[in-house]
Structures are given as structure tokens and as C-alpha cells.
PDB file of N, CA and C in Angstrom:
ATOM      1  N   MET A   1      17.583 -46.593  43.057  1.00  0.00           N
ATOM      2  CA  MET A   1      18.836 -45.987  43.360  1.00  0.00           C
ATOM      3  C   MET A   1      19.496 -45.444  42.100  1.00  0.00           C
ATOM      4  N   ALA A   2      19.352 -46.189  40.969  1.00  0.00           N
ATOM      5  CA  ALA A   2      19.921 -45.740  39.713  1.00  0.00           C
ATOM      6  C   ALA A   2      19.231 -44.468  39.230  1.00  0.00           C
ATOM      7  N   GLU A   3      17.937 -44.356  39.543  1.00  0.00           N
ATOM      8  CA  GLU A   3      17.199 -43.170  39.131  1.00  0.00           C
ATOM      9  C   GLU A   3      17.697 -41.926  39.848  1.00  0.00           C
ATOM     10  N   SER A   4      17.997 -42.046  41.114  1.00  0.00           N
ATOM     11  CA  SER A   4      18.442 -40.874  41.856  1.00  0.00           C
ATOM     12  C   SER A   4      19.824 -40.427  41.404  1.00  0.00           C
ATOM     13  N   ALA A   5      20.646 -41.357  40.904  1.00  0.00           N
ATOM     14  CA  ALA A   5      21.963 -40.985  40.408  1.00  0.00           C
ATOM     15  C   ALA A   5      21.853 -40.259  39.063  1.00  0.00           C
ATOM     16  N   ALA A   6      20.838 -40.610  38.276  1.00  0.00           N
ATOM     17  CA  ALA A   6      20.672 -39.995  36.963  1.00  0.00           C
ATOM     18  C   ALA A   6      20.071 -38.600  37.069  1.00  0.00           C
ATOM     19  N   GLU A   7      19.243 -38.382  38.091  1.00  0.00           N
ATOM     20  CA  GLU A   7      18.570 -37.089  38.221  1.00  0.00           C
ATOM     21  C   GLU A   7      19.522 -35.922  38.441  1.00  0.00           C
ATOM     22  N   PRO A   8      20.491 -36.015  39.352  1.00  0.00           N
ATOM     23  CA  PRO A   8      21.366 -34.858  39.535  1.00  0.00           C
ATOM     24  C   PRO A   8      22.142 -34.511  38.277  1.00  0.00           C
ATOM     25  N   GLY A   9      22.559 -35.503  37.498  1.00  0.00           N
ATOM     26  CA  GLY A   9      23.278 -35.232  36.258  1.00  0.00           C
ATOM     27  C   GLY A   9      22.399 -34.516  35.257  1.00  0.00           C
ATOM     28  N   SER A  10      21.152 -34.929  35.159  1.00  0.00           N
ATOM     29  CA  SER A  10      20.252 -34.286  34.212  1.00  0.00           C
ATOM     30  C   SER A  10      19.914 -32.873  34.662  1.00  0.00           C
ATOM     31  N   LYS A  11      19.865 -32.631  35.964  1.00  0.00           N
ATOM     32  CA  LYS A  11      19.617 -31.273  36.459  1.00  0.00           C
ATOM     33  C   LYS A  11      20.794 -30.372  36.133  1.00  0.00           C
ATOM     34  N   ARG A  12      22.009 -30.906  36.246  1.00  0.00           N
ATOM     35  CA  ARG A  12      23.189 -30.107  35.953  1.00  0.00           C
ATOM     36  C   ARG A  12      23.244 -29.766  34.463  1.00  0.00           C
ATOM     37  N   SER A  13      22.967 -30.750  33.613  1.00  0.00           N
ATOM     38  CA  SER A  13      23.012 -30.473  32.180  1.00  0.00           C
ATOM     39  C   SER A  13      21.894 -29.514  31.789  1.00  0.00           C
ATOM     40  N   GLY A  14      20.747 -29.636  32.424  1.00  0.00           N
ATOM     41  CA  GLY A  14      19.647 -28.713  32.166  1.00  0.00           C
ATOM     42  C   GLY A  14      19.984 -27.313  32.609  1.00  0.00           C
ATOM     43  N   LEU A  15      20.651 -27.200  33.759  1.00  0.00           N
ATOM     44  CA  LEU A  15      21.059 -25.902  34.262  1.00  0.00           C
ATOM     45  C   LEU A  15      22.115 -25.280  33.353  1.00  0.00           C
ATOM     46  N   ALA A  16      23.059 -26.087  32.909  1.00  0.00           N
ATOM     47  CA  ALA A  16      24.108 -25.585  32.016  1.00  0.00           C
ATOM     48  C   ALA A  16      23.505 -25.120  30.695  1.00  0.00           C
ATOM     49  N   ARG A  17      22.550 -25.877  30.186  1.00  0.00           N
ATOM     50  CA  ARG A  17      21.895 -25.517  28.928  1.00  0.00           C
ATOM     51  C   ARG A  17      21.134 -24.204  29.079  1.00  0.00           C
ATOM     52  N   THR A  18      20.432 -24.047  30.187  1.00  0.00           N
ATOM     53  CA  THR A  18      19.681 -22.818  30.438  1.00  0.00           C
ATOM     54  C   THR A  18      20.609 -21.623  30.555  1.00  0.00           C
ATOM     55  N   MET A  19      21.716 -21.819  31.264  1.00  0.00           N
ATOM     56  CA  MET A  19      22.675 -20.717  31.423  1.00  0.00           C
ATOM     57  C   MET A  19      23.304 -20.354  30.083  1.00  0.00           C
ATOM     58  N   ALA A  20      23.605 -21.354  29.275  1.00  0.00           N
ATOM     59  CA  ALA A  20      24.192 -21.091  27.963  1.00  0.00           C
ATOM     60  C   ALA A  20      23.212 -20.322  27.073  1.00  0.00           C
ATOM     61  N   LYS A  21      21.942 -20.708  27.124  1.00  0.00           N
ATOM     62  CA  LYS A  21      20.934 -19.994  26.333  1.00  0.00           C
ATOM     63  C   LYS A  21      20.818 -18.544  26.761  1.00  0.00           C
ATOM     64  N   LYS A  22      20.821 -18.321  28.091  1.00  0.00           N
ATOM     65  CA  LYS A  22      20.699 -16.953  28.593  1.00  0.00           C
ATOM     66  C   LYS A  22      21.921 -16.123  28.240  1.00  0.00           C
ATOM     67  N   ALA A  23      23.098 -16.749  28.203  1.00  0.00           N
ATOM     68  CA  ALA A  23      24.323 -16.017  27.878  1.00  0.00           C
ATOM     69  C   ALA A  23      24.412 -15.729  26.381  1.00  0.00           C
ATOM     70  N   LEU A  24      23.931 -16.647  25.554  1.00  0.00           N
ATOM     71  CA  LEU A  24      24.047 -16.480  24.107  1.00  0.00           C
ATOM     72  C   LEU A  24      22.938 -15.620  23.498  1.00  0.00           C
ATOM     73  N   ALA A  25      21.825 -15.476  24.164  1.00  0.00           N
ATOM     74  CA  ALA A  25      20.703 -14.723  23.606  1.00  0.00           C
ATOM     75  C   ALA A  25      21.092 -13.284  23.241  1.00  0.00           C
ATOM     76  N   PRO A  26      21.735 -12.525  24.138  1.00  0.00           N
ATOM     77  CA  PRO A  26      22.114 -11.161  23.744  1.00  0.00           C
ATOM     78  C   PRO A  26      23.124 -11.133  22.600  1.00  0.00           C
ATOM     79  N   LEU A  27      24.041 -12.100  22.585  1.00  0.00           N
ATOM     80  CA  LEU A  27      25.010 -12.162  21.492  1.00  0.00           C
ATOM     81  C   LEU A  27      24.316 -12.404  20.160  1.00  0.00           C
ATOM     82  N   LEU A  28      23.369 -13.320  20.153  1.00  0.00           N
ATOM     83  CA  LEU A  28      22.643 -13.612  18.920  1.00  0.00           C
ATOM     84  C   LEU A  28      21.807 -12.413  18.478  1.00  0.00           C
ATOM     85  N   ALA A  29      21.214 -11.709  19.426  1.00  0.00           N
ATOM     86  CA  ALA A  29      20.429 -10.525  19.074  1.00  0.00           C
ATOM     87  C   ALA A  29      21.328  -9.451  18.463  1.00  0.00           C
ATOM     88  N   SER A  30      22.504  -9.252  19.041  1.00  0.00           N
ATOM     89  CA  SER A  30      23.448  -8.271  18.497  1.00  0.00           C
ATOM     90  C   SER A  30      23.911  -8.667  17.108  1.00  0.00           C
ATOM     91  N   LEU A  31      24.183  -9.943  16.931  1.00  0.00           N
ATOM     92  CA  LEU A  31      24.610 -10.436  15.628  1.00  0.00           C
ATOM     93  C   LEU A  31      23.527 -10.214  14.578  1.00  0.00           C
ATOM     94  N   ALA A  32      22.289 -10.518  14.920  1.00  0.00           N
ATOM     95  CA  ALA A  32      21.188 -10.326  13.974  1.00  0.00           C
ATOM     96  C   ALA A  32      21.023  -8.851  13.621  1.00  0.00           C
ATOM     97  N   SER A  33      21.158  -7.989  14.606  1.00  0.00           N
ATOM     98  CA  SER A  33      21.027  -6.554  14.354  1.00  0.00           C
ATOM     99  C   SER A  33      22.145  -6.056  13.439  1.00  0.00           C
ATOM    100  N   ALA A  34      23.370  -6.469  13.722  1.00  0.00           N
ATOM    101  CA  ALA A  34      24.503  -6.042  12.899  1.00  0.00           C
ATOM    102  C   ALA A  34      24.370  -6.573  11.480  1.00  0.00           C
ATOM    103  N   LEU A  35      23.930  -7.796  11.352  1.00  0.00           N
ATOM    104  CA  LEU A  35      23.770  -8.399  10.030  1.00  0.00           C
ATOM    105  C   LEU A  35      22.696  -7.679   9.220  1.00  0.00           C
ATOM    106  N   SER A  36      21.586  -7.348   9.850  1.00  0.00           N
ATOM    107  CA  SER A  36      20.530  -6.648   9.106  1.00  0.00           C
ATOM    108  C   SER A  36      20.986  -5.257   8.687  1.00  0.00           C
ATOM    109  N   GLY A  37      21.758  -4.571   9.541  1.00  0.00           N
ATOM    110  CA  GLY A  37      22.294  -3.263   9.174  1.00  0.00           C
ATOM    111  C   GLY A  37      23.255  -3.357   8.002  1.00  0.00           C
ATOM    112  N   TYR A  38      24.112  -4.365   8.026  1.00  0.00           N
ATOM    113  CA  TYR A  38      25.061  -4.571   6.931  1.00  0.00           C
ATOM    114  C   TYR A  38      24.329  -4.849   5.627  1.00  0.00           C
ATOM    115  N   LEU A  39      23.325  -5.723   5.687  1.00  0.00           N
ATOM    116  CA  LEU A  39      22.577  -6.060   4.477  1.00  0.00           C
ATOM    117  C   LEU A  39      21.827  -4.851   3.928  1.00  0.00           C
ATOM    118  N   ALA A  40      21.307  -4.023   4.805  1.00  0.00           N
ATOM    119  CA  ALA A  40      20.603  -2.818   4.339  1.00  0.00           C
ATOM    120  C   ALA A  40      21.567  -1.883   3.627  1.00  0.00           C
ATOM    121  N   ARG A  41      22.754  -1.679   4.186  1.00  0.00           N
ATOM    122  CA  ARG A  41      23.743  -0.815   3.530  1.00  0.00           C
ATOM    123  C   ARG A  41      24.193  -1.411   2.203  1.00  0.00           C
ATOM    124  N   LYS A  42      24.437  -2.701   2.206  1.00  0.00           N
ATOM    125  CA  LYS A  42      24.913  -3.370   0.999  1.00  0.00           C
ATOM    126  C   LYS A  42      23.845  -3.310  -0.100  1.00  0.00           C
ATOM    127  N   ALA A  43      22.579  -3.489   0.269  1.00  0.00           N
ATOM    128  CA  ALA A  43      21.494  -3.436  -0.716  1.00  0.00           C
ATOM    129  C   ALA A  43      21.415  -2.047  -1.336  1.00  0.00           C
ATOM    130  N   SER A  44      21.599  -1.037  -0.532  1.00  0.00           N
ATOM    131  CA  SER A  44      21.556   0.334  -1.050  1.00  0.00           C
ATOM    132  C   SER A  44      22.685   0.579  -2.046  1.00  0.00           C
ATOM    133  N   VAL A  45      23.876   0.117  -1.707  1.00  0.00           N
ATOM    134  CA  VAL A  45      25.024   0.294  -2.595  1.00  0.00           C
ATOM    135  C   VAL A  45      24.813  -0.468  -3.899  1.00  0.00           C
ATOM    136  N   LEU A  46      24.340  -1.696  -3.794  1.00  0.00           N
ATOM    137  CA  LEU A  46      24.097  -2.500  -4.997  1.00  0.00           C
ATOM    138  C   LEU A  46      23.035  -1.857  -5.889  1.00  0.00           C
ATOM    139  N   ALA A  47      22.000  -1.313  -5.265  1.00  0.00           N
ATOM    140  CA  ALA A  47      20.954  -0.654  -6.049  1.00  0.00           C
ATOM    141  C   ALA A  47      21.527   0.533  -6.804  1.00  0.00           C
ATOM    142  N   GLN A  48      22.355   1.323  -6.132  1.00  0.00           N
ATOM    143  CA  GLN A  48      22.956   2.488  -6.779  1.00  0.00           C
ATOM    144  C   GLN A  48      23.896   2.085  -7.914  1.00  0.00           C
ATOM    145  N   GLU A  49      24.634   0.995  -7.724  1.00  0.00           N
ATOM    146  CA  GLU A  49      25.612   0.580  -8.726  1.00  0.00           C
ATOM    147  C   GLU A  49      24.996  -0.165  -9.908  1.00  0.00           C
ATOM    148  N   LYS A  50      24.002  -0.993  -9.643  1.00  0.00           N
ATOM    149  CA  LYS A  50      23.473  -1.885 -10.683  1.00  0.00           C
ATOM    150  C   LYS A  50      22.106  -1.457 -11.216  1.00  0.00           C
ATOM    151  N   LEU A  51      21.182  -1.155 -10.323  1.00  0.00           N
ATOM    152  CA  LEU A  51      19.797  -0.940 -10.722  1.00  0.00           C
ATOM    153  C   LEU A  51      19.572   0.440 -11.344  1.00  0.00           C
ATOM    154  N   VAL A  52      20.084   1.470 -10.714  1.00  0.00           N
ATOM    155  CA  VAL A  52      19.839   2.835 -11.187  1.00  0.00           C
ATOM    156  C   VAL A  52      20.354   3.051 -12.609  1.00  0.00           C
ATOM    157  N   PRO A  53      21.575   2.607 -12.951  1.00  0.00           N
ATOM    158  CA  PRO A  53      22.016   2.797 -14.338  1.00  0.00           C
ATOM    159  C   PRO A  53      21.127   2.091 -15.362  1.00  0.00           C
ATOM    160  N   LYS A  54      20.636   0.913 -15.013  1.00  0.00           N
ATOM    161  CA  LYS A  54      19.758   0.202 -15.948  1.00  0.00           C
ATOM    162  C   LYS A  54      18.420   0.920 -16.100  1.00  0.00           C
ATOM    163  N   LEU A  55      17.904   1.481 -15.012  1.00  0.00           N
ATOM    164  CA  LEU A  55      16.658   2.239 -15.105  1.00  0.00           C
ATOM    165  C   LEU A  55      16.839   3.468 -15.983  1.00  0.00           C
ATOM    166  N   ARG A  56      17.954   4.169 -15.804  1.00  0.00           N
ATOM    167  CA  ARG A  56      18.214   5.350 -16.627  1.00  0.00           C
ATOM    168  C   ARG A  56      18.363   4.970 -18.098  1.00  0.00           C
ATOM    169  N   GLU A  57      18.998   3.836 -18.334  1.00  0.00           N
ATOM    170  CA  GLU A  57      19.222   3.372 -19.702  1.00  0.00           C
ATOM    171  C   GLU A  57      17.904   3.084 -20.419  1.00  0.00           C
ATOM    172  N   LYS A  58      16.921   2.600 -19.676  1.00  0.00           N
ATOM    173  CA  LYS A  58      15.638   2.248 -20.285  1.00  0.00           C
ATOM    174  C   LYS A  58      14.636   3.389 -20.271  1.00  0.00           C
ATOM    175  N   GLY A  59      15.025   4.558 -19.783  1.00  0.00           N
ATOM    176  CA  GLY A  59      14.135   5.708 -19.839  1.00  0.00           C
ATOM    177  C   GLY A  59      13.480   6.042 -18.522  1.00  0.00           C
ATOM    178  N   GLY A  60      13.912   5.474 -17.442  1.00  0.00           N
ATOM    179  CA  GLY A  60      13.369   5.806 -16.125  1.00  0.00           C
ATOM    180  C   GLY A  60      12.439   4.726 -15.595  1.00  0.00           C
ATOM    181  N   ALA A  61      12.081   4.888 -14.342  1.00  0.00           N
ATOM    182  CA  ALA A  61      11.249   3.897 -13.666  1.00  0.00           C
ATOM    183  C   ALA A  61       9.847   3.815 -14.285  1.00  0.00           C
ATOM    184  N   LYS A  62       9.320   4.956 -14.686  1.00  0.00           N
ATOM    185  CA  LYS A  62       7.970   4.981 -15.273  1.00  0.00           C
ATOM    186  C   LYS A  62       7.928   4.173 -16.575  1.00  0.00           C
ATOM    187  N   ALA A  63       8.939   4.332 -17.399  1.00  0.00           N
ATOM    188  CA  ALA A  63       8.986   3.591 -18.668  1.00  0.00           C
ATOM    189  C   ALA A  63       9.116   2.097 -18.424  1.00  0.00           C
ATOM    190  N   VAL A  64       9.932   1.728 -17.434  1.00  0.00           N
ATOM    191  CA  VAL A  64      10.099   0.306 -17.116  1.00  0.00           C
ATOM    192  C   VAL A  64       8.790  -0.274 -16.596  1.00  0.00           C
ATOM    193  N   ALA A  65       8.099   0.486 -15.742  1.00  0.00           N
ATOM    194  CA  ALA A  65       6.826   0.014 -15.194  1.00  0.00           C
ATOM    195  C   ALA A  65       5.784  -0.157 -16.300  1.00  0.00           C
ATOM    196  N   GLN A  66       5.706   0.809 -17.217  1.00  0.00           N
ATOM    197  CA  GLN A  66       4.743   0.704 -18.318  1.00  0.00           C
ATOM    198  C   GLN A  66       5.055  -0.493 -19.203  1.00  0.00           C
ATOM    199  N   GLU A  67       6.333  -0.720 -19.446  1.00  0.00           N
ATOM    200  CA  GLU A  67       6.745  -1.863 -20.255  1.00  0.00           C
ATOM    201  C   GLU A  67       6.346  -3.175 -19.594  1.00  0.00           C
ATOM    202  N   ALA A  68       6.550  -3.251 -18.281  1.00  0.00           N
ATOM    203  CA  ALA A  68       6.205  -4.464 -17.548  1.00  0.00           C
ATOM    204  C   ALA A  68       4.695  -4.699 -17.563  1.00  0.00           C
ATOM    205  N   VAL A  69       3.928  -3.639 -17.351  1.00  0.00           N
ATOM    206  CA  VAL A  69       2.468  -3.769 -17.354  1.00  0.00           C
ATOM    207  C   VAL A  69       1.967  -4.207 -18.719  1.00  0.00           C
ATOM    208  N   THR A  70       2.519  -3.639 -19.770  1.00  0.00           N
ATOM    209  CA  THR A  70       2.120  -4.013 -21.129  1.00  0.00           C
ATOM    210  C   THR A  70       2.438  -5.475 -21.413  1.00  0.00           C
ATOM    211  N   ALA A  71       3.628  -5.902 -21.007  1.00  0.00           N
ATOM    212  CA  ALA A  71       4.027  -7.292 -21.243  1.00  0.00           C
ATOM    213  C   ALA A  71       3.115  -8.260 -20.498  1.00  0.00           C
ATOM    214  N   VAL A  72       2.794  -7.935 -19.261  1.00  0.00           N
ATOM    215  CA  VAL A  72       1.913  -8.808 -18.475  1.00  0.00           C
ATOM    216  C   VAL A  72       0.512  -8.816 -19.059  1.00  0.00           C
ATOM    217  N   ALA A  73       0.023  -7.657 -19.463  1.00  0.00           N
ATOM    218  CA  ALA A  73      -1.330  -7.577 -20.027  1.00  0.00           C
ATOM    219  C   ALA A  73      -1.444  -8.403 -21.303  1.00  0.00           C
ATOM    220  N   GLU A  74      -0.404  -8.370 -22.120  1.00  0.00           N
ATOM    221  CA  GLU A  74      -0.438  -9.162 -23.356  1.00  0.00           C
ATOM    222  C   GLU A  74      -0.479 -10.655 -23.060  1.00  0.00           C
ATOM    223  N   LYS A  75       0.302 -11.069 -22.069  1.00  0.00           N
ATOM    224  CA  LYS A  75       0.366 -12.499 -21.754  1.00  0.00           C
ATOM    225  C   LYS A  75      -0.891 -12.980 -21.052  1.00  0.00           C
ATOM    226  N   VAL A  76      -1.395 -12.209 -20.135  1.00  0.00           N
ATOM    227  CA  VAL A  76      -2.536 -12.640 -19.333  1.00  0.00           C
ATOM    228  C   VAL A  76      -3.859 -12.326 -20.010  1.00  0.00           C
ATOM    229  N   GLY A  77      -4.012 -11.110 -20.493  1.00  0.00           N
ATOM    230  CA  GLY A  77      -5.291 -10.659 -21.032  1.00  0.00           C
ATOM    231  C   GLY A  77      -5.786 -11.450 -22.215  1.00  0.00           C
ATOM    232  N   GLY A  78      -4.961 -11.655 -23.230  1.00  0.00           N
ATOM    233  CA  GLY A  78      -5.393 -12.341 -24.443  1.00  0.00           C
ATOM    234  C   GLY A  78      -5.730 -13.798 -24.209  1.00  0.00           C
ATOM    235  N   ASP A  79      -4.893 -14.485 -23.489  1.00  0.00           N
ATOM    236  CA  ASP A  79      -5.126 -15.908 -23.235  1.00  0.00           C
ATOM    237  C   ASP A  79      -6.354 -16.120 -22.373  1.00  0.00           C
ATOM    238  N   GLU A  80      -6.575 -15.234 -21.416  1.00  0.00           N
ATOM    239  CA  GLU A  80      -7.703 -15.395 -20.515  1.00  0.00           C
ATOM    240  C   GLU A  80      -9.019 -15.278 -21.271  1.00  0.00           C
ATOM    241  N   GLU A  81      -9.126 -14.294 -22.123  1.00  0.00           N
ATOM    242  CA  GLU A  81     -10.358 -14.089 -22.879  1.00  0.00           C
ATOM    243  C   GLU A  81     -10.623 -15.250 -23.829  1.00  0.00           C
ATOM    244  N   SER A  82      -9.602 -15.691 -24.535  1.00  0.00           N
ATOM    245  CA  SER A  82      -9.816 -16.775 -25.481  1.00  0.00           C
ATOM    246  C   SER A  82     -10.174 -18.075 -24.759  1.00  0.00           C
ATOM    247  N   SER A  83      -9.586 -18.308 -23.582  1.00  0.00           N
ATOM    248  CA  SER A  83      -9.938 -19.523 -22.851  1.00  0.00           C
ATOM    249  C   SER A  83     -11.360 -19.429 -22.308  1.00  0.00           C
ATOM    250  N   ARG A  84     -11.773 -18.221 -21.885  1.00  0.00           N
ATOM    251  CA  ARG A  84     -13.155 -18.054 -21.432  1.00  0.00           C
ATOM    252  C   ARG A  84     -14.128 -18.305 -22.577  1.00  0.00           C
ATOM    253  N   ASP A  85     -13.807 -17.765 -23.734  1.00  0.00           N
ATOM    254  CA  ASP A  85     -14.680 -17.964 -24.889  1.00  0.00           C
ATOM    255  C   ASP A  85     -14.751 -19.440 -25.260  1.00  0.00           C
ATOM    256  N   ALA A  86     -13.618 -20.121 -25.220  1.00  0.00           N
ATOM    257  CA  ALA A  86     -13.599 -21.550 -25.554  1.00  0.00           C
ATOM    258  C   ALA A  86     -14.429 -22.341 -24.556  1.00  0.00           C
ATOM    259  N   GLU A  87     -14.311 -22.010 -23.266  1.00  0.00           N
ATOM    260  CA  GLU A  87     -15.118 -22.701 -22.260  1.00  0.00           C
ATOM    261  C   GLU A  87     -16.605 -22.434 -22.479  1.00  0.00           C
ATOM    262  N   ARG A  88     -16.936 -21.206 -22.795  1.00  0.00           N
ATOM    263  CA  ARG A  88     -18.334 -20.844 -23.027  1.00  0.00           C
ATOM    264  C   ARG A  88     -18.891 -21.617 -24.232  1.00  0.00           C
ATOM    265  N   ARG A  89     -18.097 -21.698 -25.303  1.00  0.00           N
ATOM    266  CA  ARG A  89     -18.546 -22.452 -26.487  1.00  0.00           C
ATOM    267  C   ARG A  89     -18.721 -23.940 -26.165  1.00  0.00           C
ATOM    268  N   ASN A  90     -17.813 -24.492 -25.381  1.00  0.00           N
ATOM    269  CA  ASN A  90     -17.928 -25.908 -25.007  1.00  0.00           C
ATOM    270  C   ASN A  90     -19.189 -26.155 -24.178  1.00  0.00           C
ATOM    271  N   ARG A  91     -19.487 -25.256 -23.228  1.00  0.00           N
ATOM    272  CA  ARG A  91     -20.708 -25.428 -22.429  1.00  0.00           C
ATOM    273  C   ARG A  91     -21.944 -25.358 -23.314  1.00  0.00           C
ATOM    274  N   GLU A  92     -21.956 -24.394 -24.241  1.00  0.00           N
ATOM    275  CA  GLU A  92     -23.088 -24.244 -25.155  1.00  0.00           C
ATOM    276  C   GLU A  92     -23.265 -25.493 -26.014  1.00  0.00           C
ATOM    277  N   ARG A  93     -22.147 -26.024 -26.510  1.00  0.00           N
ATOM    278  CA  ARG A  93     -22.200 -27.231 -27.345  1.00  0.00           C
ATOM    279  C   ARG A  93     -22.739 -28.413 -26.547  1.00  0.00           C
ATOM    280  N   ARG A  94     -22.298 -28.573 -25.285  1.00  0.00           N
ATOM    281  CA  ARG A  94     -22.792 -29.684 -24.456  1.00  0.00           C
ATOM    282  C   ARG A  94     -24.282 -29.531 -24.157  1.00  0.00           C
ATOM    283  N   ARG A  95     -24.717 -28.280 -23.895  1.00  0.00           N
ATOM    284  CA  ARG A  95     -26.152 -28.054 -23.666  1.00  0.00           C
ATOM    285  C   ARG A  95     -26.974 -28.453 -24.883  1.00  0.00           C
ATOM    286  N   ASN A  96     -26.501 -28.040 -26.048  1.00  0.00           N
ATOM    287  CA  ASN A  96     -27.220 -28.384 -27.272  1.00  0.00           C
ATOM    288  C   ASN A  96     -27.265 -29.885 -27.481  1.00  0.00           C
ATOM    289  N   GLN A  97     -26.166 -30.582 -27.205  1.00  0.00           N
ATOM    290  CA  GLN A  97     -26.154 -32.045 -27.346  1.00  0.00           C
ATOM    291  C   GLN A  97     -27.152 -32.688 -26.388  1.00  0.00           C
ATOM    292  N   ARG A  98     -27.227 -32.185 -25.146  1.00  0.00           N
ATOM    293  CA  ARG A  98     -28.182 -32.750 -24.180  1.00  0.00           C
ATOM    294  C   ARG A  98     -29.620 -32.480 -24.617  1.00  0.00           C
ATOM    295  N   ARG A  99     -29.870 -31.267 -25.134  1.00  0.00           N
ATOM    296  CA  ARG A  99     -31.221 -30.953 -25.606  1.00  0.00           C
ATOM    297  C   ARG A  99     -31.635 -31.876 -26.746  1.00  0.00           C
ATOM    298  N   GLN A 100     -30.694 -32.081 -27.698  1.00  0.00           N
ATOM    299  CA  GLN A 100     -31.010 -32.959 -28.822  1.00  0.00           C
ATOM    300  C   GLN A 100     -31.251 -34.391 -28.346  1.00  0.00           C
ATOM    301  N   ALA A 101     -30.437 -34.831 -27.405  1.00  0.00           N
ATOM    302  CA  ALA A 101     -30.629 -36.193 -26.879  1.00  0.00           C
ATOM    303  C   ALA A 101     -31.961 -36.316 -26.175  1.00  0.00           C
ATOM    304  N   LEU A 102     -32.371 -35.315 -25.428  1.00  0.00           N
ATOM    305  CA  LEU A 102     -33.672 -35.345 -24.745  1.00  0.00           C
ATOM    306  C   LEU A 102     -34.812 -35.299 -25.756  1.00  0.00           C
ATOM    307  N   GLU A 103     -34.671 -34.486 -26.798  1.00  0.00           N
ATOM    308  CA  GLU A 103     -35.701 -34.417 -27.815  1.00  0.00           C
ATOM    309  C   GLU A 103     -35.853 -35.736 -28.552  1.00  0.00           C
ATOM    310  N   GLN A 104     -34.740 -36.373 -28.868  1.00  0.00           N
ATOM    311  CA  GLN A 104     -34.781 -37.647 -29.579  1.00  0.00           C
ATOM    312  C   GLN A 104     -35.372 -38.750 -28.709  1.00  0.00           C
ATOM    313  N   SER A 105     -35.021 -38.747 -27.434  1.00  0.00           N
ATOM    314  CA  SER A 105     -35.567 -39.793 -26.554  1.00  0.00           C
ATOM    315  C   SER A 105     -37.046 -39.536 -26.281  1.00  0.00           C
ATOM    316  N   GLY A 106     -37.481 -38.290 -26.283  1.00  0.00           N
ATOM    317  CA  GLY A 106     -38.889 -37.945 -26.062  1.00  0.00           C
ATOM    318  C   GLY A 106     -39.748 -38.265 -27.274  1.00  0.00           C
ATOM    319  N   SER A 107     -39.186 -38.178 -28.466  1.00  0.00           N
ATOM    320  CA  SER A 107     -39.951 -38.424 -29.684  1.00  0.00           C
ATOM    321  C   SER A 107     -39.991 -39.892 -30.036  1.00  0.00           C
ATOM    322  N   SER A 108     -39.130 -40.693 -29.446  1.00  0.00           N
ATOM    323  CA  SER A 108     -39.113 -42.130 -29.770  1.00  0.00           C
ATOM    324  C   SER A 108     -40.204 -42.893 -29.145  1.00  0.00           C
TER     325      SER A 108
END
């Protein structure tokens, strides 16, 4: 008997929740659309006010891109090669040590 009393209440709350979701869905979609439009306009204004003057100051987008590529190449390129060479030397040294150990154990 207690179960049957609980069921109608849960059906009503479930129905109310479903109706609320259906009523709020279009509002949320409109809000998301308006927000994305606002952010797009604001981003454009900020780019014009902040980014463009700095690009012009540094000689244009091409100069900034070349500067960035050069900076990255210096940081990545040099370290990568030296670490590869160091790893290669370490492998060679370990091979030589193993060969010497095998030769010594074979001659004993």
C-alpha cells in the first residue's frame, strides 16, 4: 500500500521535470546562440584593438611568424640533435663494453 502511494508522487515529479526540460530547452538554445554571437563580436573588437597594433609594431604577421619559427627551431632543433648524438654514443659505449666482456670471458 505504501508503494502505491509513492508511485503517483514520483510520476508527478517526473512529469514536472520532463515539462521543465522541454520548456527550458529552447531558452537555453537561444542563450547559447546569443552568447556565441556576443563572444564572436567581442573577439573581433579585441583583436582590432590589441592584436593588430602589436603585429604592425613588429613588422607584420609574416615577421612575427618567422620570429616564432626561428625561436622554436633554436629550442627544439639543437637540443634534439645533441640528445640523439648522446644516446648514440651511449649505445656504442655499452656495445663496446659488452664485446670486451664477452672477449675476456671467452679468453679465460
